[in-house]
Amino acid sequence: GFGDFGSALIITINDEGKIIGCVVAHTAHEKKGFSSVGDIN
């Protein structure tokens, strides 16, 4: 989430595979590691 492994996507799911958490940490972003749950499936 802090960029230690380059760009990253961290997804948290429940046991049915539904996404309940999403952290976007792309090296091209100024703000590192923001959360955006509703925009991904």
PDB file of all heavy atoms in Angstrom:
ATOM      1  N   GLY A   1       0.800  -1.221   0.000  1.00  0.00           N
ATOM      2  CA  GLY A   1       0.000   0.000   0.000  1.00  0.00           C
ATOM      3  C   GLY A   1       0.832   1.269   0.000  1.00  0.00           C
ATOM      4  O   GLY A   1       0.363   2.336  -0.395  1.00  0.00           O
ATOM      5  N   PHE A   2       2.088   1.154   0.429  1.00  0.00           N
ATOM      6  CA  PHE A   2       3.005   2.300   0.446  1.00  0.00           C
ATOM      7  C   PHE A   2       3.980   2.287  -0.730  1.00  0.00           C
ATOM      8  O   PHE A   2       4.925   3.066  -0.780  1.00  0.00           O
ATOM      9  CB  PHE A   2       3.779   2.337   1.770  1.00  0.00           C
ATOM     10  CG  PHE A   2       2.918   2.674   2.942  1.00  0.00           C
ATOM     11  CD1 PHE A   2       2.515   1.691   3.830  1.00  0.00           C
ATOM     12  CD2 PHE A   2       2.483   3.979   3.148  1.00  0.00           C
ATOM     13  CE1 PHE A   2       1.702   1.997   4.916  1.00  0.00           C
ATOM     14  CE2 PHE A   2       1.665   4.294   4.230  1.00  0.00           C
ATOM     15  CZ  PHE A   2       1.272   3.298   5.110  1.00  0.00           C
ATOM     16  N   GLY A   3       3.780   1.350  -1.667  1.00  0.00           N
ATOM     17  CA  GLY A   3       4.599   1.313  -2.870  1.00  0.00           C
ATOM     18  C   GLY A   3       5.897   0.547  -2.753  1.00  0.00           C
ATOM     19  O   GLY A   3       6.746   0.639  -3.639  1.00  0.00           O
ATOM     20  N   ASP A   4       6.083  -0.234  -1.689  1.00  0.00           N
ATOM     21  CA  ASP A   4       7.339  -0.961  -1.502  1.00  0.00           C
ATOM     22  C   ASP A   4       7.575  -2.049  -2.554  1.00  0.00           C
ATOM     23  O   ASP A   4       8.709  -2.508  -2.710  1.00  0.00           O
ATOM     24  CB  ASP A   4       7.387  -1.602  -0.114  1.00  0.00           C
ATOM     25  CG  ASP A   4       7.650  -0.585   0.979  1.00  0.00           C
ATOM     26  OD1 ASP A   4       7.516   0.629   0.731  1.00  0.00           O
ATOM     27  OD2 ASP A   4       7.996  -1.009   2.101  1.00  0.00           O
ATOM     28  N   PHE A   5       6.534  -2.461  -3.274  1.00  0.00           N
ATOM     29  CA  PHE A   5       6.670  -3.503  -4.289  1.00  0.00           C
ATOM     30  C   PHE A   5       6.217  -2.988  -5.654  1.00  0.00           C
ATOM     31  O   PHE A   5       5.661  -3.725  -6.458  1.00  0.00           O
ATOM     32  CB  PHE A   5       5.875  -4.746  -3.884  1.00  0.00           C
ATOM     33  CG  PHE A   5       6.284  -5.300  -2.558  1.00  0.00           C
ATOM     34  CD1 PHE A   5       5.456  -5.168  -1.445  1.00  0.00           C
ATOM     35  CD2 PHE A   5       7.508  -5.926  -2.393  1.00  0.00           C
ATOM     36  CE1 PHE A   5       5.831  -5.660  -0.213  1.00  0.00           C
ATOM     37  CE2 PHE A   5       7.893  -6.424  -1.154  1.00  0.00           C
ATOM     38  CZ  PHE A   5       7.054  -6.286  -0.064  1.00  0.00           C
ATOM     39  N   GLY A   6       6.455  -1.701  -5.898  1.00  0.00           N
ATOM     40  CA  GLY A   6       5.997  -1.084  -7.138  1.00  0.00           C
ATOM     41  C   GLY A   6       4.494  -0.835  -7.054  1.00  0.00           C
ATOM     42  O   GLY A   6       3.927  -0.700  -5.974  1.00  0.00           O
ATOM     43  N   SER A   7       3.854  -0.787  -8.188  1.00  0.00           N
ATOM     44  CA  SER A   7       2.404  -0.612  -8.201  1.00  0.00           C
ATOM     45  C   SER A   7       1.734  -1.832  -7.577  1.00  0.00           C
ATOM     46  O   SER A   7       2.244  -2.954  -7.691  1.00  0.00           O
ATOM     47  CB  SER A   7       1.898  -0.430  -9.629  1.00  0.00           C
ATOM     48  OG  SER A   7       2.354   0.790 -10.162  1.00  0.00           O
ATOM     49  N   ALA A   8       0.607  -1.584  -6.908  1.00  0.00           N
ATOM     50  CA  ALA A   8      -0.069  -2.681  -6.218  1.00  0.00           C
ATOM     51  C   ALA A   8      -1.573  -2.449  -6.187  1.00  0.00           C
ATOM     52  O   ALA A   8      -2.054  -1.314  -6.227  1.00  0.00           O
ATOM     53  CB  ALA A   8       0.464  -2.819  -4.799  1.00  0.00           C
ATOM     54  N   LEU A   9      -2.282  -3.561  -6.085  1.00  0.00           N
ATOM     55  CA  LEU A   9      -3.725  -3.558  -5.894  1.00  0.00           C
ATOM     56  C   LEU A   9      -3.997  -4.518  -4.754  1.00  0.00           C
ATOM     57  O   LEU A   9      -3.570  -5.676  -4.799  1.00  0.00           O
ATOM     58  CB  LEU A   9      -4.425  -4.017  -7.176  1.00  0.00           C
ATOM     59  CG  LEU A   9      -5.941  -4.025  -7.177  1.00  0.00           C
ATOM     60  CD1 LEU A   9      -6.485  -2.593  -7.092  1.00  0.00           C
ATOM     61  CD2 LEU A   9      -6.468  -4.702  -8.441  1.00  0.00           C
ATOM     62  N   ILE A  10      -4.657  -4.028  -3.704  1.00  0.00           N
ATOM     63  CA  ILE A  10      -4.929  -4.861  -2.529  1.00  0.00           C
ATOM     64  C   ILE A  10      -6.437  -4.989  -2.402  1.00  0.00           C
ATOM     65  O   ILE A  10      -7.142  -4.000  -2.209  1.00  0.00           O
ATOM     66  CB  ILE A  10      -4.311  -4.253  -1.253  1.00  0.00           C
ATOM     67  CG1 ILE A  10      -2.796  -4.125  -1.418  1.00  0.00           C
ATOM     68  CG2 ILE A  10      -4.622  -5.122  -0.047  1.00  0.00           C
ATOM     69  CD1 ILE A  10      -2.293  -2.736  -1.365  1.00  0.00           C
ATOM     70  N   ILE A  11      -6.913  -6.219  -2.541  1.00  0.00           N
ATOM     71  CA  ILE A  11      -8.341  -6.498  -2.554  1.00  0.00           C
ATOM     72  C   ILE A  11      -8.695  -7.359  -1.343  1.00  0.00           C
ATOM     73  O   ILE A  11      -8.033  -8.359  -1.083  1.00  0.00           O
ATOM     74  CB  ILE A  11      -8.736  -7.263  -3.844  1.00  0.00           C
ATOM     75  CG1 ILE A  11      -8.365  -6.461  -5.078  1.00  0.00           C
ATOM     76  CG2 ILE A  11     -10.207  -7.653  -3.832  1.00  0.00           C
ATOM     77  CD1 ILE A  11      -9.174  -5.201  -5.296  1.00  0.00           C
ATOM     78  N   THR A  12      -9.744  -6.976  -0.629  1.00  0.00           N
ATOM     79  CA  THR A  12     -10.261  -7.796   0.464  1.00  0.00           C
ATOM     80  C   THR A  12     -11.612  -8.329   0.023  1.00  0.00           C
ATOM     81  O   THR A  12     -12.467  -7.572  -0.458  1.00  0.00           O
ATOM     82  CB  THR A  12     -10.407  -6.975   1.758  1.00  0.00           C
ATOM     83  OG1 THR A  12      -9.139  -6.401   2.082  1.00  0.00           O
ATOM     84  CG2 THR A  12     -10.874  -7.850   2.910  1.00  0.00           C
ATOM     85  N   ILE A  13     -11.794  -9.656   0.173  1.00  0.00           N
ATOM     86  CA  ILE A  13     -13.045 -10.289  -0.238  1.00  0.00           C
ATOM     87  C   ILE A  13     -13.644 -11.078   0.919  1.00  0.00           C
ATOM     88  O   ILE A  13     -12.936 -11.454   1.861  1.00  0.00           O
ATOM     89  CB  ILE A  13     -12.846 -11.229  -1.443  1.00  0.00           C
ATOM     90  CG1 ILE A  13     -11.880 -12.374  -1.108  1.00  0.00           C
ATOM     91  CG2 ILE A  13     -12.373 -10.452  -2.654  1.00  0.00           C
ATOM     92  CD1 ILE A  13     -11.798 -13.471  -2.158  1.00  0.00           C
ATOM     93  N   ASN A  14     -14.943 -11.345   0.828  1.00  0.00           N
ATOM     94  CA  ASN A  14     -15.558 -12.270   1.774  1.00  0.00           C
ATOM     95  C   ASN A  14     -15.421 -13.681   1.200  1.00  0.00           C
ATOM     96  O   ASN A  14     -14.860 -13.869   0.115  1.00  0.00           O
ATOM     97  CB  ASN A  14     -17.012 -11.877   2.072  1.00  0.00           C
ATOM     98  CG  ASN A  14     -17.927 -11.985   0.869  1.00  0.00           C
ATOM     99  OD1 ASN A  14     -17.608 -12.606  -0.147  1.00  0.00           O
ATOM    100  ND2 ASN A  14     -19.099 -11.378   0.974  1.00  0.00           N
ATOM    101  N   ASP A  15     -15.930 -14.673   1.890  1.00  0.00           N
ATOM    102  CA  ASP A  15     -15.740 -16.053   1.453  1.00  0.00           C
ATOM    103  C   ASP A  15     -16.520 -16.401   0.178  1.00  0.00           C
ATOM    104  O   ASP A  15     -16.307 -17.451  -0.406  1.00  0.00           O
ATOM    105  CB  ASP A  15     -16.057 -17.036   2.575  1.00  0.00           C
ATOM    106  CG  ASP A  15     -17.443 -16.865   3.150  1.00  0.00           C
ATOM    107  OD1 ASP A  15     -18.163 -15.920   2.756  1.00  0.00           O
ATOM    108  OD2 ASP A  15     -17.822 -17.672   4.022  1.00  0.00           O
ATOM    109  N   GLU A  16     -17.388 -15.510  -0.268  1.00  0.00           N
ATOM    110  CA  GLU A  16     -18.122 -15.723  -1.520  1.00  0.00           C
ATOM    111  C   GLU A  16     -17.465 -15.008  -2.697  1.00  0.00           C
ATOM    112  O   GLU A  16     -17.960 -15.053  -3.817  1.00  0.00           O
ATOM    113  CB  GLU A  16     -19.564 -15.243  -1.363  1.00  0.00           C
ATOM    114  CG  GLU A  16     -20.335 -16.024  -0.316  1.00  0.00           C
ATOM    115  CD  GLU A  16     -21.661 -15.368   0.035  1.00  0.00           C
ATOM    116  OE1 GLU A  16     -21.937 -14.239  -0.435  1.00  0.00           O
ATOM    117  OE2 GLU A  16     -22.413 -15.986   0.797  1.00  0.00           O
ATOM    118  N   GLY A  17     -16.382 -14.288  -2.444  1.00  0.00           N
ATOM    119  CA  GLY A  17     -15.672 -13.588  -3.498  1.00  0.00           C
ATOM    120  C   GLY A  17     -16.133 -12.158  -3.725  1.00  0.00           C
ATOM    121  O   GLY A  17     -15.667 -11.499  -4.646  1.00  0.00           O
ATOM    122  N   LYS A  18     -17.024 -11.661  -2.873  1.00  0.00           N
ATOM    123  CA  LYS A  18     -17.482 -10.276  -3.011  1.00  0.00           C
ATOM    124  C   LYS A  18     -16.413  -9.338  -2.462  1.00  0.00           C
ATOM    125  O   LYS A  18     -15.896  -9.535  -1.364  1.00  0.00           O
ATOM    126  CB  LYS A  18     -18.783 -10.063  -2.265  1.00  0.00           C
ATOM    127  CG  LYS A  18     -19.308  -8.654  -2.425  1.00  0.00           C
ATOM    128  CD  LYS A  18     -20.641  -8.452  -1.756  1.00  0.00           C
ATOM    129  CE  LYS A  18     -21.078  -7.052  -2.099  1.00  0.00           C
ATOM    130  NZ  LYS A  18     -21.719  -6.324  -1.139  1.00  0.00           N
ATOM    131  N   ILE A  19     -16.088  -8.303  -3.234  1.00  0.00           N
ATOM    132  CA  ILE A  19     -15.073  -7.339  -2.817  1.00  0.00           C
ATOM    133  C   ILE A  19     -15.652  -6.421  -1.746  1.00  0.00           C
ATOM    134  O   ILE A  19     -16.675  -5.780  -1.950  1.00  0.00           O
ATOM    135  CB  ILE A  19     -14.571  -6.511  -4.019  1.00  0.00           C
ATOM    136  CG1 ILE A  19     -13.854  -7.432  -5.007  1.00  0.00           C
ATOM    137  CG2 ILE A  19     -13.643  -5.392  -3.548  1.00  0.00           C
ATOM    138  CD1 ILE A  19     -13.406  -6.764  -6.290  1.00  0.00           C
ATOM    139  N   ILE A  20     -14.959  -6.389  -0.600  1.00  0.00           N
ATOM    140  CA  ILE A  20     -15.392  -5.517   0.501  1.00  0.00           C
ATOM    141  C   ILE A  20     -14.317  -4.482   0.854  1.00  0.00           C
ATOM    142  O   ILE A  20     -14.533  -3.644   1.718  1.00  0.00           O
ATOM    143  CB  ILE A  20     -15.789  -6.338   1.749  1.00  0.00           C
ATOM    144  CG1 ILE A  20     -14.633  -7.212   2.207  1.00  0.00           C
ATOM    145  CG2 ILE A  20     -17.027  -7.181   1.462  1.00  0.00           C
ATOM    146  CD1 ILE A  20     -14.877  -7.925   3.520  1.00  0.00           C
ATOM    147  N   GLY A  21     -13.179  -4.551   0.167  1.00  0.00           N
ATOM    148  CA  GLY A  21     -12.109  -3.581   0.372  1.00  0.00           C
ATOM    149  C   GLY A  21     -11.206  -3.522  -0.837  1.00  0.00           C
ATOM    150  O   GLY A  21     -10.955  -4.542  -1.476  1.00  0.00           O
ATOM    151  N   CYS A  22     -10.754  -2.322  -1.178  1.00  0.00           N
ATOM    152  CA  CYS A  22      -9.878  -2.147  -2.339  1.00  0.00           C
ATOM    153  C   CYS A  22      -8.945  -0.976  -2.075  1.00  0.00           C
ATOM    154  O   CYS A  22      -9.395   0.142  -1.815  1.00  0.00           O
ATOM    155  CB  CYS A  22     -10.708  -1.884  -3.591  1.00  0.00           C
ATOM    156  SG  CYS A  22      -9.733  -1.395  -5.030  1.00  0.00           S
ATOM    157  N   VAL A  23      -7.637  -1.235  -2.150  1.00  0.00           N
ATOM    158  CA  VAL A  23      -6.635  -0.184  -2.046  1.00  0.00           C
ATOM    159  C   VAL A  23      -5.879  -0.154  -3.369  1.00  0.00           C
ATOM    160  O   VAL A  23      -5.362  -1.171  -3.828  1.00  0.00           O
ATOM    161  CB  VAL A  23      -5.660  -0.423  -0.872  1.00  0.00           C
ATOM    162  CG1 VAL A  23      -4.550   0.615  -0.877  1.00  0.00           C
ATOM    163  CG2 VAL A  23      -6.412  -0.418   0.449  1.00  0.00           C
ATOM    164  N   VAL A  24      -5.847   1.024  -3.972  1.00  0.00           N
ATOM    165  CA  VAL A  24      -5.155   1.231  -5.243  1.00  0.00           C
ATOM    166  C   VAL A  24      -3.862   1.978  -4.937  1.00  0.00           C
ATOM    167  O   VAL A  24      -3.890   3.079  -4.404  1.00  0.00           O
ATOM    168  CB  VAL A  24      -6.034   2.055  -6.217  1.00  0.00           C
ATOM    169  CG1 VAL A  24      -5.305   2.280  -7.530  1.00  0.00           C
ATOM    170  CG2 VAL A  24      -7.380   1.372  -6.434  1.00  0.00           C
ATOM    171  N   ALA A  25      -2.719   1.374  -5.275  1.00  0.00           N
ATOM    172  CA  ALA A  25      -1.413   1.993  -5.017  1.00  0.00           C
ATOM    173  C   ALA A  25      -0.588   1.915  -6.293  1.00  0.00           C
ATOM    174  O   ALA A  25       0.234   1.024  -6.459  1.00  0.00           O
ATOM    175  CB  ALA A  25      -0.715   1.284  -3.866  1.00  0.00           C
ATOM    176  N   HIS A  26      -0.836   2.833  -7.199  1.00  0.00           N
ATOM    177  CA  HIS A  26      -0.143   2.853  -8.488  1.00  0.00           C
ATOM    178  C   HIS A  26       0.993   3.883  -8.433  1.00  0.00           C
ATOM    179  O   HIS A  26       0.805   4.977  -7.905  1.00  0.00           O
ATOM    180  CB  HIS A  26      -1.132   3.208  -9.606  1.00  0.00           C
ATOM    181  CG  HIS A  26      -0.650   2.841 -10.959  1.00  0.00           C
ATOM    182  ND1 HIS A  26       0.361   3.516 -11.603  1.00  0.00           N
ATOM    183  CD2 HIS A  26      -1.049   1.851 -11.796  1.00  0.00           C
ATOM    184  CE1 HIS A  26       0.561   2.960 -12.785  1.00  0.00           C
ATOM    185  NE2 HIS A  26      -0.277   1.952 -12.932  1.00  0.00           N
ATOM    186  N   THR A  27       2.137   3.542  -8.979  1.00  0.00           N
ATOM    187  CA  THR A  27       3.291   4.445  -8.932  1.00  0.00           C
ATOM    188  C   THR A  27       3.063   5.745  -9.694  1.00  0.00           C
ATOM    189  O   THR A  27       3.739   6.740  -9.437  1.00  0.00           O
ATOM    190  CB  THR A  27       4.571   3.765  -9.459  1.00  0.00           C
ATOM    191  OG1 THR A  27       4.335   3.301 -10.793  1.00  0.00           O
ATOM    192  CG2 THR A  27       4.975   2.599  -8.572  1.00  0.00           C
ATOM    193  N   ALA A  28       2.101   5.773 -10.603  1.00  0.00           N
ATOM    194  CA  ALA A  28       1.808   6.992 -11.359  1.00  0.00           C
ATOM    195  C   ALA A  28       0.905   7.955 -10.585  1.00  0.00           C
ATOM    196  O   ALA A  28       0.695   9.076 -11.019  1.00  0.00           O
ATOM    197  CB  ALA A  28       1.152   6.641 -12.694  1.00  0.00           C
ATOM    198  N   HIS A  29       0.392   7.520  -9.440  1.00  0.00           N
ATOM    199  CA  HIS A  29      -0.483   8.377  -8.632  1.00  0.00           C
ATOM    200  C   HIS A  29       0.321   9.221  -7.650  1.00  0.00           C
ATOM    201  O   HIS A  29       1.281   8.731  -7.048  1.00  0.00           O
ATOM    202  CB  HIS A  29      -1.490   7.530  -7.850  1.00  0.00           C
ATOM    203  CG  HIS A  29      -2.519   6.883  -8.710  1.00  0.00           C
ATOM    204  ND1 HIS A  29      -3.186   5.750  -8.316  1.00  0.00           N
ATOM    205  CD2 HIS A  29      -3.001   7.201  -9.936  1.00  0.00           C
ATOM    206  CE1 HIS A  29      -4.042   5.408  -9.267  1.00  0.00           C
ATOM    207  NE2 HIS A  29      -3.947   6.273 -10.264  1.00  0.00           N
ATOM    208  N   GLU A  30      -0.100  10.449  -7.477  1.00  0.00           N
ATOM    209  CA  GLU A  30       0.539  11.327  -6.490  1.00  0.00           C
ATOM    210  C   GLU A  30       0.191  10.880  -5.081  1.00  0.00           C
ATOM    211  O   GLU A  30       1.033  10.878  -4.193  1.00  0.00           O
ATOM    212  CB  GLU A  30       0.091  12.770  -6.708  1.00  0.00           C
ATOM    213  CG  GLU A  30       0.613  13.375  -7.988  1.00  0.00           C
ATOM    214  CD  GLU A  30       0.043  14.760  -8.239  1.00  0.00           C
ATOM    215  OE1 GLU A  30      -0.375  15.429  -7.272  1.00  0.00           O
ATOM    216  OE2 GLU A  30       0.018  15.171  -9.404  1.00  0.00           O
ATOM    217  N   LYS A  31      -1.067  10.535  -4.860  1.00  0.00           N
ATOM    218  CA  LYS A  31      -1.518  10.067  -3.542  1.00  0.00           C
ATOM    219  C   LYS A  31      -1.380   8.552  -3.523  1.00  0.00           C
ATOM    220  O   LYS A  31      -1.989   7.846  -4.314  1.00  0.00           O
ATOM    221  CB  LYS A  31      -2.968  10.478  -3.302  1.00  0.00           C
ATOM    222  CG  LYS A  31      -3.150  11.980  -3.301  1.00  0.00           C
ATOM    223  CD  LYS A  31      -4.605  12.354  -3.201  1.00  0.00           C
ATOM    224  CE  LYS A  31      -4.728  13.871  -3.272  1.00  0.00           C
ATOM    225  NZ  LYS A  31      -6.083  14.313  -3.493  1.00  0.00           N
ATOM    226  N   LYS A  32      -0.589   8.061  -2.604  1.00  0.00           N
ATOM    227  CA  LYS A  32      -0.321   6.628  -2.536  1.00  0.00           C
ATOM    228  C   LYS A  32      -1.374   5.901  -1.715  1.00  0.00           C
ATOM    229  O   LYS A  32      -1.780   6.352  -0.651  1.00  0.00           O
ATOM    230  CB  LYS A  32       1.058   6.355  -1.916  1.00  0.00           C
ATOM    231  CG  LYS A  32       2.196   6.999  -2.655  1.00  0.00           C
ATOM    232  CD  LYS A  32       2.412   6.365  -3.992  1.00  0.00           C
ATOM    233  CE  LYS A  32       3.595   7.022  -4.689  1.00  0.00           C
ATOM    234  NZ  LYS A  32       3.601   6.848  -6.093  1.00  0.00           N
ATOM    235  N   GLY A  33      -1.828   4.796  -2.235  1.00  0.00           N
ATOM    236  CA  GLY A  33      -2.676   3.892  -1.483  1.00  0.00           C
ATOM    237  C   GLY A  33      -4.033   4.426  -1.088  1.00  0.00           C
ATOM    238  O   GLY A  33      -4.354   4.436   0.086  1.00  0.00           O
ATOM    239  N   PHE A  34      -4.853   4.826  -2.047  1.00  0.00           N
ATOM    240  CA  PHE A  34      -6.200   5.266  -1.687  1.00  0.00           C
ATOM    241  C   PHE A  34      -7.188   4.118  -1.791  1.00  0.00           C
ATOM    242  O   PHE A  34      -6.984   3.149  -2.505  1.00  0.00           O
ATOM    243  CB  PHE A  34      -6.644   6.473  -2.529  1.00  0.00           C
ATOM    244  CG  PHE A  34      -6.707   6.230  -4.012  1.00  0.00           C
ATOM    245  CD1 PHE A  34      -7.801   5.608  -4.591  1.00  0.00           C
ATOM    246  CD2 PHE A  34      -5.683   6.656  -4.831  1.00  0.00           C
ATOM    247  CE1 PHE A  34      -7.866   5.401  -5.955  1.00  0.00           C
ATOM    248  CE2 PHE A  34      -5.732   6.459  -6.197  1.00  0.00           C
ATOM    249  CZ  PHE A  34      -6.828   5.827  -6.772  1.00  0.00           C
ATOM    250  N   SER A  35      -8.278   4.232  -1.058  1.00  0.00           N
ATOM    251  CA  SER A  35      -9.307   3.206  -1.011  1.00  0.00           C
ATOM    252  C   SER A  35     -10.467   3.583  -1.923  1.00  0.00           C
ATOM    253  O   SER A  35     -10.877   4.739  -1.968  1.00  0.00           O
ATOM    254  CB  SER A  35      -9.802   3.058   0.432  1.00  0.00           C
ATOM    255  OG  SER A  35     -10.807   2.067   0.492  1.00  0.00           O
ATOM    256  N   SER A  36     -10.983   2.593  -2.644  1.00  0.00           N
ATOM    257  CA  SER A  36     -12.108   2.821  -3.546  1.00  0.00           C
ATOM    258  C   SER A  36     -12.863   1.515  -3.733  1.00  0.00           C
ATOM    259  O   SER A  36     -12.554   0.740  -4.623  1.00  0.00           O
ATOM    260  CB  SER A  36     -11.618   3.363  -4.883  1.00  0.00           C
ATOM    261  OG  SER A  36     -12.700   3.705  -5.703  1.00  0.00           O
ATOM    262  N   VAL A  37     -13.859   1.270  -2.904  1.00  0.00           N
ATOM    263  CA  VAL A  37     -14.560  -0.009  -2.905  1.00  0.00           C
ATOM    264  C   VAL A  37     -15.645  -0.115  -3.969  1.00  0.00           C
ATOM    265  O   VAL A  37     -15.770  -1.127  -4.637  1.00  0.00           O
ATOM    266  CB  VAL A  37     -15.178  -0.297  -1.516  1.00  0.00           C
ATOM    267  CG1 VAL A  37     -15.947  -1.593  -1.521  1.00  0.00           C
ATOM    268  CG2 VAL A  37     -14.108  -0.349  -0.474  1.00  0.00           C
ATOM    269  N   GLY A  38     -16.437   0.908  -4.162  1.00  0.00           N
ATOM    270  CA  GLY A  38     -17.613   0.795  -5.017  1.00  0.00           C
ATOM    271  C   GLY A  38     -17.355   0.741  -6.500  1.00  0.00           C
ATOM    272  O   GLY A  38     -18.267   0.493  -7.277  1.00  0.00           O
ATOM    273  N   ASP A  39     -16.120   0.962  -6.938  1.00  0.00           N
ATOM    274  CA  ASP A  39     -15.826   1.070  -8.360  1.00  0.00           C
ATOM    275  C   ASP A  39     -15.228  -0.184  -8.978  1.00  0.00           C
ATOM    276  O   ASP A  39     -14.771  -0.154 -10.119  1.00  0.00           O
ATOM    277  CB  ASP A  39     -14.848   2.236  -8.591  1.00  0.00           C
ATOM    278  CG  ASP A  39     -15.428   3.558  -8.136  1.00  0.00           C
ATOM    279  OD1 ASP A  39     -16.631   3.786  -8.349  1.00  0.00           O
ATOM    280  OD2 ASP A  39     -14.676   4.357  -7.558  1.00  0.00           O
ATOM    281  N   ILE A  40     -15.233  -1.292  -8.260  1.00  0.00           N
ATOM    282  CA  ILE A  40     -14.549  -2.496  -8.731  1.00  0.00           C
ATOM    283  C   ILE A  40     -15.368  -3.725  -8.352  1.00  0.00           C
ATOM    284  O   ILE A  40     -16.008  -3.751  -7.299  1.00  0.00           O
ATOM    285  CB  ILE A  40     -13.113  -2.547  -8.153  1.00  0.00           C
ATOM    286  CG1 ILE A  40     -12.280  -3.621  -8.815  1.00  0.00           C
ATOM    287  CG2 ILE A  40     -13.121  -2.684  -6.642  1.00  0.00           C
ATOM    288  CD1 ILE A  40     -10.784  -3.474  -8.576  1.00  0.00           C
ATOM    289  N   ASN A  41     -15.358  -4.732  -9.237  1.00  0.00           N
ATOM    290  CA  ASN A  41     -16.168  -5.937  -9.001  1.00  0.00           C
ATOM    291  C   ASN A  41     -15.386  -7.202  -9.322  1.00  0.00           C
ATOM    292  O   ASN A  41     -14.481  -7.191 -10.149  1.00  0.00           O
ATOM    293  CB  ASN A  41     -17.429  -5.906  -9.869  1.00  0.00           C
ATOM    294  CG  ASN A  41     -18.361  -4.804  -9.469  1.00  0.00           C
ATOM    295  OD1 ASN A  41     -18.858  -4.796  -8.357  1.00  0.00           O
ATOM    296  ND2 ASN A  41     -18.581  -3.859 -10.361  1.00  0.00           N
TER     297      ASN A  41
END
